[in-house]
Amino acid sequence: MIQITQLRKRCIGCNACVEAAPGRWAMSRKDGKCTLVGAIGKKDIYILNVSEIEFEENKKASEACPVNIIQVKFL
């Protein structure tokens, strides 16, 4: 299992994560920031545990993020 963490308040809405992992990331029409689909947020920190199948594409999303607000790690 892997854990994906996003510091959403620092998101600049560049869309890089959506391009790397479109099944897990989406752009919000409300504020123009990226949303970690299915995550639970607490004080602008969003966390989601997913299967290892999603590791590669979400690691690419993390590496593509210009403000380094996405972390992907094994649990």
PDB file of N, CA and C in Angstrom:
ATOM      1  N   MET A   1       0.841  -1.177   0.000  1.00  0.00           N
ATOM      2  CA  MET A   1       0.000   0.000   0.000  1.00  0.00           C
ATOM      3  C   MET A   1       0.888   1.243   0.000  1.00  0.00           C
ATOM      4  N   ILE A   2       0.419   2.268  -0.689  1.00  0.00           N
ATOM      5  CA  ILE A   2       1.136   3.543  -0.696  1.00  0.00           C
ATOM      6  C   ILE A   2       0.243   4.643  -0.142  1.00  0.00           C
ATOM      7  N   GLN A   3       0.892   5.693   0.320  1.00  0.00           N
ATOM      8  CA  GLN A   3       0.169   6.851   0.834  1.00  0.00           C
ATOM      9  C   GLN A   3       0.544   8.066   0.000  1.00  0.00           C
ATOM     10  N   ILE A   4      -0.486   8.793  -0.452  1.00  0.00           N
ATOM     11  CA  ILE A   4      -0.289  10.023  -1.208  1.00  0.00           C
ATOM     12  C   ILE A   4      -0.721  11.176  -0.311  1.00  0.00           C
ATOM     13  N   THR A   5       0.139  12.176  -0.200  1.00  0.00           N
ATOM     14  CA  THR A   5      -0.152  13.350   0.615  1.00  0.00           C
ATOM     15  C   THR A   5      -0.024  14.595  -0.249  1.00  0.00           C
ATOM     16  N   GLN A   6      -0.972  15.510  -0.096  1.00  0.00           N
ATOM     17  CA  GLN A   6      -0.963  16.761  -0.851  1.00  0.00           C
ATOM     18  C   GLN A   6      -1.153  17.939   0.106  1.00  0.00           C
ATOM     19  N   LEU A   7      -0.321  18.953  -0.024  1.00  0.00           N
ATOM     20  CA  LEU A   7      -0.479  20.201   0.721  1.00  0.00           C
ATOM     21  C   LEU A   7      -1.236  21.161  -0.196  1.00  0.00           C
ATOM     22  N   ARG A   8      -2.536  21.019  -0.240  1.00  0.00           N
ATOM     23  CA  ARG A   8      -3.370  21.664  -1.252  1.00  0.00           C
ATOM     24  C   ARG A   8      -3.325  23.188  -1.241  1.00  0.00           C
ATOM     25  N   LYS A   9      -3.187  23.808  -0.086  1.00  0.00           N
ATOM     26  CA  LYS A   9      -3.222  25.275  -0.051  1.00  0.00           C
ATOM     27  C   LYS A   9      -2.060  25.899  -0.807  1.00  0.00           C
ATOM     28  N   ARG A  10      -0.978  25.143  -1.018  1.00  0.00           N
ATOM     29  CA  ARG A  10       0.172  25.660  -1.760  1.00  0.00           C
ATOM     30  C   ARG A  10       0.103  25.340  -3.259  1.00  0.00           C
ATOM     31  N   CYS A  11      -0.953  24.675  -3.690  1.00  0.00           N
ATOM     32  CA  CYS A  11      -1.113  24.305  -5.104  1.00  0.00           C
ATOM     33  C   CYS A  11      -1.259  25.561  -5.958  1.00  0.00           C
ATOM     34  N   ILE A  12      -0.572  25.567  -7.101  1.00  0.00           N
ATOM     35  CA  ILE A  12      -0.661  26.698  -8.031  1.00  0.00           C
ATOM     36  C   ILE A  12      -1.535  26.371  -9.246  1.00  0.00           C
ATOM     37  N   GLY A  13      -2.091  25.162  -9.294  1.00  0.00           N
ATOM     38  CA  GLY A  13      -3.005  24.785 -10.368  1.00  0.00           C
ATOM     39  C   GLY A  13      -2.359  24.620 -11.722  1.00  0.00           C
ATOM     40  N   CYS A  14      -1.138  24.098 -11.762  1.00  0.00           N
ATOM     41  CA  CYS A  14      -0.426  23.967 -13.036  1.00  0.00           C
ATOM     42  C   CYS A  14      -0.895  22.784 -13.890  1.00  0.00           C
ATOM     43  N   ASN A  15      -1.627  21.831 -13.275  1.00  0.00           N
ATOM     44  CA  ASN A  15      -2.192  20.684 -13.982  1.00  0.00           C
ATOM     45  C   ASN A  15      -1.197  19.554 -14.248  1.00  0.00           C
ATOM     46  N   ALA A  16       0.031  19.648 -13.788  1.00  0.00           N
ATOM     47  CA  ALA A  16       1.040  18.610 -14.056  1.00  0.00           C
ATOM     48  C   ALA A  16       0.648  17.270 -13.450  1.00  0.00           C
ATOM     49  N   CYS A  17       0.080  17.278 -12.257  1.00  0.00           N
ATOM     50  CA  CYS A  17      -0.313  16.022 -11.613  1.00  0.00           C
ATOM     51  C   CYS A  17      -1.481  15.363 -12.348  1.00  0.00           C
ATOM     52  N   VAL A  18      -2.379  16.162 -12.858  1.00  0.00           N
ATOM     53  CA  VAL A  18      -3.526  15.642 -13.601  1.00  0.00           C
ATOM     54  C   VAL A  18      -3.045  14.964 -14.884  1.00  0.00           C
ATOM     55  N   GLU A  19      -2.067  15.545 -15.542  1.00  0.00           N
ATOM     56  CA  GLU A  19      -1.526  14.952 -16.760  1.00  0.00           C
ATOM     57  C   GLU A  19      -0.784  13.653 -16.476  1.00  0.00           C
ATOM     58  N   ALA A  20      -0.103  13.569 -15.338  1.00  0.00           N
ATOM     59  CA  ALA A  20       0.669  12.379 -14.991  1.00  0.00           C
ATOM     60  C   ALA A  20      -0.221  11.243 -14.485  1.00  0.00           C
ATOM     61  N   ALA A  21      -1.260  11.573 -13.730  1.00  0.00           N
ATOM     62  CA  ALA A  21      -2.130  10.551 -13.134  1.00  0.00           C
ATOM     63  C   ALA A  21      -3.587  11.012 -13.175  1.00  0.00           C
ATOM     64  N   PRO A  22      -4.190  11.029 -14.363  1.00  0.00           N
ATOM     65  CA  PRO A  22      -5.545  11.567 -14.503  1.00  0.00           C
ATOM     66  C   PRO A  22      -6.623  10.792 -13.742  1.00  0.00           C
ATOM     67  N   GLY A  23      -6.362   9.564 -13.375  1.00  0.00           N
ATOM     68  CA  GLY A  23      -7.341   8.790 -12.621  1.00  0.00           C
ATOM     69  C   GLY A  23      -7.400   9.158 -11.151  1.00  0.00           C
ATOM     70  N   ARG A  24      -6.389   9.844 -10.669  1.00  0.00           N
ATOM     71  CA  ARG A  24      -6.300  10.164  -9.245  1.00  0.00           C
ATOM     72  C   ARG A  24      -6.330  11.664  -8.968  1.00  0.00           C
ATOM     73  N   TRP A  25      -6.078  12.489  -9.980  1.00  0.00           N
ATOM     74  CA  TRP A  25      -6.019  13.945  -9.796  1.00  0.00           C
ATOM     75  C   TRP A  25      -7.009  14.636 -10.716  1.00  0.00           C
ATOM     76  N   ALA A  26      -7.582  15.741 -10.238  1.00  0.00           N
ATOM     77  CA  ALA A  26      -8.533  16.525 -11.036  1.00  0.00           C
ATOM     78  C   ALA A  26      -8.391  17.997 -10.674  1.00  0.00           C
ATOM     79  N   MET A  27      -8.700  18.852 -11.632  1.00  0.00           N
ATOM     80  CA  MET A  27      -8.687  20.291 -11.387  1.00  0.00           C
ATOM     81  C   MET A  27     -10.038  20.703 -10.818  1.00  0.00           C
ATOM     82  N   SER A  28     -10.006  21.528  -9.796  1.00  0.00           N
ATOM     83  CA  SER A  28     -11.231  22.032  -9.187  1.00  0.00           C
ATOM     84  C   SER A  28     -11.740  23.236  -9.968  1.00  0.00           C
ATOM     85  N   ARG A  29     -12.985  23.215 -10.328  1.00  0.00           N
ATOM     86  CA  ARG A  29     -13.591  24.371 -11.009  1.00  0.00           C
ATOM     87  C   ARG A  29     -13.833  25.496 -10.006  1.00  0.00           C
ATOM     88  N   LYS A  30     -13.928  25.150  -8.744  1.00  0.00           N
ATOM     89  CA  LYS A  30     -14.224  26.125  -7.701  1.00  0.00           C
ATOM     90  C   LYS A  30     -13.065  27.085  -7.461  1.00  0.00           C
ATOM     91  N   ASP A  31     -11.837  26.551  -7.327  1.00  0.00           N
ATOM     92  CA  ASP A  31     -10.699  27.425  -7.011  1.00  0.00           C
ATOM     93  C   ASP A  31      -9.491  27.271  -7.932  1.00  0.00           C
ATOM     94  N   GLY A  32      -9.567  26.389  -8.941  1.00  0.00           N
ATOM     95  CA  GLY A  32      -8.485  26.239  -9.904  1.00  0.00           C
ATOM     96  C   GLY A  32      -7.292  25.452  -9.402  1.00  0.00           C
ATOM     97  N   LYS A  33      -7.428  24.804  -8.250  1.00  0.00           N
ATOM     98  CA  LYS A  33      -6.339  23.996  -7.708  1.00  0.00           C
ATOM     99  C   LYS A  33      -6.604  22.525  -7.985  1.00  0.00           C
ATOM    100  N   CYS A  34      -5.545  21.729  -7.901  1.00  0.00           N
ATOM    101  CA  CYS A  34      -5.682  20.296  -8.122  1.00  0.00           C
ATOM    102  C   CYS A  34      -6.239  19.623  -6.879  1.00  0.00           C
ATOM    103  N   THR A  35      -7.020  18.589  -7.117  1.00  0.00           N
ATOM    104  CA  THR A  35      -7.658  17.841  -6.047  1.00  0.00           C
ATOM    105  C   THR A  35      -7.217  16.387  -6.124  1.00  0.00           C
ATOM    106  N   LEU A  36      -6.839  15.827  -4.992  1.00  0.00           N
ATOM    107  CA  LEU A  36      -6.508  14.408  -4.882  1.00  0.00           C
ATOM    108  C   LEU A  36      -7.830  13.662  -4.721  1.00  0.00           C
ATOM    109  N   VAL A  37      -8.276  13.018  -5.785  1.00  0.00           N
ATOM    110  CA  VAL A  37      -9.587  12.381  -5.832  1.00  0.00           C
ATOM    111  C   VAL A  37      -9.673  11.251  -4.803  1.00  0.00           C
ATOM    112  N   GLY A  38     -10.671  11.355  -3.928  1.00  0.00           N
ATOM    113  CA  GLY A  38     -10.907  10.337  -2.919  1.00  0.00           C
ATOM    114  C   GLY A  38     -10.214  10.590  -1.592  1.00  0.00           C
ATOM    115  N   ALA A  39      -9.434  11.652  -1.512  1.00  0.00           N
ATOM    116  CA  ALA A  39      -8.670  11.937  -0.290  1.00  0.00           C
ATOM    117  C   ALA A  39      -9.518  12.605   0.772  1.00  0.00           C
ATOM    118  N   ILE A  40      -9.068  12.448   1.997  1.00  0.00           N
ATOM    119  CA  ILE A  40      -9.694  13.109   3.128  1.00  0.00           C
ATOM    120  C   ILE A  40      -8.788  14.250   3.558  1.00  0.00           C
ATOM    121  N   GLY A  41      -9.354  15.442   3.684  1.00  0.00           N
ATOM    122  CA  GLY A  41      -8.565  16.617   4.030  1.00  0.00           C
ATOM    123  C   GLY A  41      -8.721  17.030   5.473  1.00  0.00           C
ATOM    124  N   LYS A  42      -7.619  17.528   6.003  1.00  0.00           N
ATOM    125  CA  LYS A  42      -7.617  18.071   7.351  1.00  0.00           C
ATOM    126  C   LYS A  42      -6.644  19.239   7.358  1.00  0.00           C
ATOM    127  N   LYS A  43      -7.188  20.462   7.490  1.00  0.00           N
ATOM    128  CA  LYS A  43      -6.376  21.677   7.482  1.00  0.00           C
ATOM    129  C   LYS A  43      -5.512  21.776   6.228  1.00  0.00           C
ATOM    130  N   ASP A  44      -6.114  21.594   5.078  1.00  0.00           N
ATOM    131  CA  ASP A  44      -5.449  21.699   3.767  1.00  0.00           C
ATOM    132  C   ASP A  44      -4.375  20.654   3.502  1.00  0.00           C
ATOM    133  N   ILE A  45      -4.318  19.599   4.295  1.00  0.00           N
ATOM    134  CA  ILE A  45      -3.442  18.463   4.023  1.00  0.00           C
ATOM    135  C   ILE A  45      -4.357  17.299   3.674  1.00  0.00           C
ATOM    136  N   TYR A  46      -4.208  16.799   2.471  1.00  0.00           N
ATOM    137  CA  TYR A  46      -5.049  15.708   1.992  1.00  0.00           C
ATOM    138  C   TYR A  46      -4.239  14.433   1.918  1.00  0.00           C
ATOM    139  N   ILE A  47      -4.808  13.347   2.440  1.00  0.00           N
ATOM    140  CA  ILE A  47      -4.105  12.065   2.518  1.00  0.00           C
ATOM    141  C   ILE A  47      -5.002  10.968   1.961  1.00  0.00           C
ATOM    142  N   LEU A  48      -4.381  10.069   1.199  1.00  0.00           N
ATOM    143  CA  LEU A  48      -5.108   8.943   0.628  1.00  0.00           C
ATOM    144  C   LEU A  48      -4.190   7.735   0.554  1.00  0.00           C
ATOM    145  N   ASN A  49      -4.681   6.587   1.005  1.00  0.00           N
ATOM    146  CA  ASN A  49      -3.954   5.331   0.875  1.00  0.00           C
ATOM    147  C   ASN A  49      -4.531   4.565  -0.305  1.00  0.00           C
ATOM    148  N   VAL A  50      -3.654   4.117  -1.196  1.00  0.00           N
ATOM    149  CA  VAL A  50      -4.078   3.377  -2.385  1.00  0.00           C
ATOM    150  C   VAL A  50      -3.169   2.170  -2.584  1.00  0.00           C
ATOM    151  N   SER A  51      -3.540   1.313  -3.512  1.00  0.00           N
ATOM    152  CA  SER A  51      -2.732   0.124  -3.781  1.00  0.00           C
ATOM    153  C   SER A  51      -1.444   0.482  -4.519  1.00  0.00           C
ATOM    154  N   GLU A  52      -0.515  -0.428  -4.483  1.00  0.00           N
ATOM    155  CA  GLU A  52       0.795  -0.215  -5.110  1.00  0.00           C
ATOM    156  C   GLU A  52       0.705  -0.075  -6.628  1.00  0.00           C
ATOM    157  N   ILE A  53      -0.402  -0.484  -7.203  1.00  0.00           N
ATOM    158  CA  ILE A  53      -0.602  -0.369  -8.657  1.00  0.00           C
ATOM    159  C   ILE A  53      -0.519   1.096  -9.101  1.00  0.00           C
ATOM    160  N   GLU A  54      -0.904   2.004  -8.228  1.00  0.00           N
ATOM    161  CA  GLU A  54      -0.924   3.428  -8.564  1.00  0.00           C
ATOM    162  C   GLU A  54       0.394   4.143  -8.268  1.00  0.00           C
ATOM    163  N   PHE A  55       1.394   3.421  -7.814  1.00  0.00           N
ATOM    164  CA  PHE A  55       2.646   4.062  -7.398  1.00  0.00           C
ATOM    165  C   PHE A  55       3.328   4.832  -8.527  1.00  0.00           C
ATOM    166  N   GLU A  56       3.565   4.194  -9.654  1.00  0.00           N
ATOM    167  CA  GLU A  56       4.353   4.808 -10.731  1.00  0.00           C
ATOM    168  C   GLU A  56       3.754   6.119 -11.233  1.00  0.00           C
ATOM    169  N   GLU A  57       2.461   6.110 -11.545  1.00  0.00           N
ATOM    170  CA  GLU A  57       1.871   7.330 -12.104  1.00  0.00           C
ATOM    171  C   GLU A  57       1.796   8.451 -11.058  1.00  0.00           C
ATOM    172  N   ASN A  58       1.568   8.103  -9.802  1.00  0.00           N
ATOM    173  CA  ASN A  58       1.527   9.147  -8.773  1.00  0.00           C
ATOM    174  C   ASN A  58       2.918   9.623  -8.393  1.00  0.00           C
ATOM    175  N   LYS A  59       3.918   8.779  -8.522  1.00  0.00           N
ATOM    176  CA  LYS A  59       5.308   9.218  -8.330  1.00  0.00           C
ATOM    177  C   LYS A  59       5.663  10.222  -9.419  1.00  0.00           C
ATOM    178  N   LYS A  60       5.218   9.971 -10.654  1.00  0.00           N
ATOM    179  CA  LYS A  60       5.442  10.919 -11.750  1.00  0.00           C
ATOM    180  C   LYS A  60       4.726  12.243 -11.475  1.00  0.00           C
ATOM    181  N   ALA A  61       3.527  12.168 -10.909  1.00  0.00           N
ATOM    182  CA  ALA A  61       2.788  13.380 -10.552  1.00  0.00           C
ATOM    183  C   ALA A  61       3.564  14.171  -9.507  1.00  0.00           C
ATOM    184  N   SER A  62       4.123  13.475  -8.536  1.00  0.00           N
ATOM    185  CA  SER A  62       4.920  14.114  -7.483  1.00  0.00           C
ATOM    186  C   SER A  62       6.151  14.798  -8.063  1.00  0.00           C
ATOM    187  N   GLU A  63       6.833  14.115  -8.945  1.00  0.00           N
ATOM    188  CA  GLU A  63       8.052  14.658  -9.552  1.00  0.00           C
ATOM    189  C   GLU A  63       7.754  15.825 -10.494  1.00  0.00           C
ATOM    190  N   ALA A  64       6.576  15.822 -11.109  1.00  0.00           N
ATOM    191  CA  ALA A  64       6.206  16.887 -12.047  1.00  0.00           C
ATOM    192  C   ALA A  64       5.734  18.156 -11.349  1.00  0.00           C
ATOM    193  N   CYS A  65       5.360  18.050 -10.094  1.00  0.00           N
ATOM    194  CA  CYS A  65       4.822  19.202  -9.361  1.00  0.00           C
ATOM    195  C   CYS A  65       5.909  20.254  -9.144  1.00  0.00           C
ATOM    196  N   PRO A  66       5.734  21.463  -9.691  1.00  0.00           N
ATOM    197  CA  PRO A  66       6.774  22.485  -9.572  1.00  0.00           C
ATOM    198  C   PRO A  66       6.913  23.096  -8.172  1.00  0.00           C
ATOM    199  N   VAL A  67       5.907  22.905  -7.320  1.00  0.00           N
ATOM    200  CA  VAL A  67       5.987  23.462  -5.965  1.00  0.00           C
ATOM    201  C   VAL A  67       6.180  22.368  -4.903  1.00  0.00           C
ATOM    202  N   ASN A  68       6.408  21.141  -5.335  1.00  0.00           N
ATOM    203  CA  ASN A  68       6.723  20.000  -4.462  1.00  0.00           C
ATOM    204  C   ASN A  68       5.750  19.834  -3.297  1.00  0.00           C
ATOM    205  N   ILE A  69       4.456  19.776  -3.623  1.00  0.00           N
ATOM    206  CA  ILE A  69       3.451  19.634  -2.565  1.00  0.00           C
ATOM    207  C   ILE A  69       2.851  18.219  -2.512  1.00  0.00           C
ATOM    208  N   ILE A  70       3.365  17.311  -3.327  1.00  0.00           N
ATOM    209  CA  ILE A  70       2.849  15.942  -3.367  1.00  0.00           C
ATOM    210  C   ILE A  70       3.936  14.983  -2.903  1.00  0.00           C
ATOM    211  N   GLN A  71       3.576  14.118  -1.964  1.00  0.00           N
ATOM    212  CA  GLN A  71       4.491  13.087  -1.492  1.00  0.00           C
ATOM    213  C   GLN A  71       3.836  11.731  -1.724  1.00  0.00           C
ATOM    214  N   VAL A  72       4.627  10.774  -2.188  1.00  0.00           N
ATOM    215  CA  VAL A  72       4.153   9.413  -2.398  1.00  0.00           C
ATOM    216  C   VAL A  72       5.136   8.489  -1.699  1.00  0.00           C
ATOM    217  N   LYS A  73       4.623   7.674  -0.777  1.00  0.00           N
ATOM    218  CA  LYS A  73       5.513   6.774  -0.050  1.00  0.00           C
ATOM    219  C   LYS A  73       4.836   5.456   0.240  1.00  0.00           C
ATOM    220  N   PHE A  74       5.652   4.417   0.407  1.00  0.00           N
ATOM    221  CA  PHE A  74       5.160   3.107   0.782  1.00  0.00           C
ATOM    222  C   PHE A  74       4.881   3.076   2.273  1.00  0.00           C
ATOM    223  N   LEU A  75       3.818   2.413   2.651  1.00  0.00           N
ATOM    224  CA  LEU A  75       3.489   2.237   4.068  1.00  0.00           C
ATOM    225  C   LEU A  75       4.010   0.913   4.566  1.00  0.00           C
TER     226      LEU A  75
END
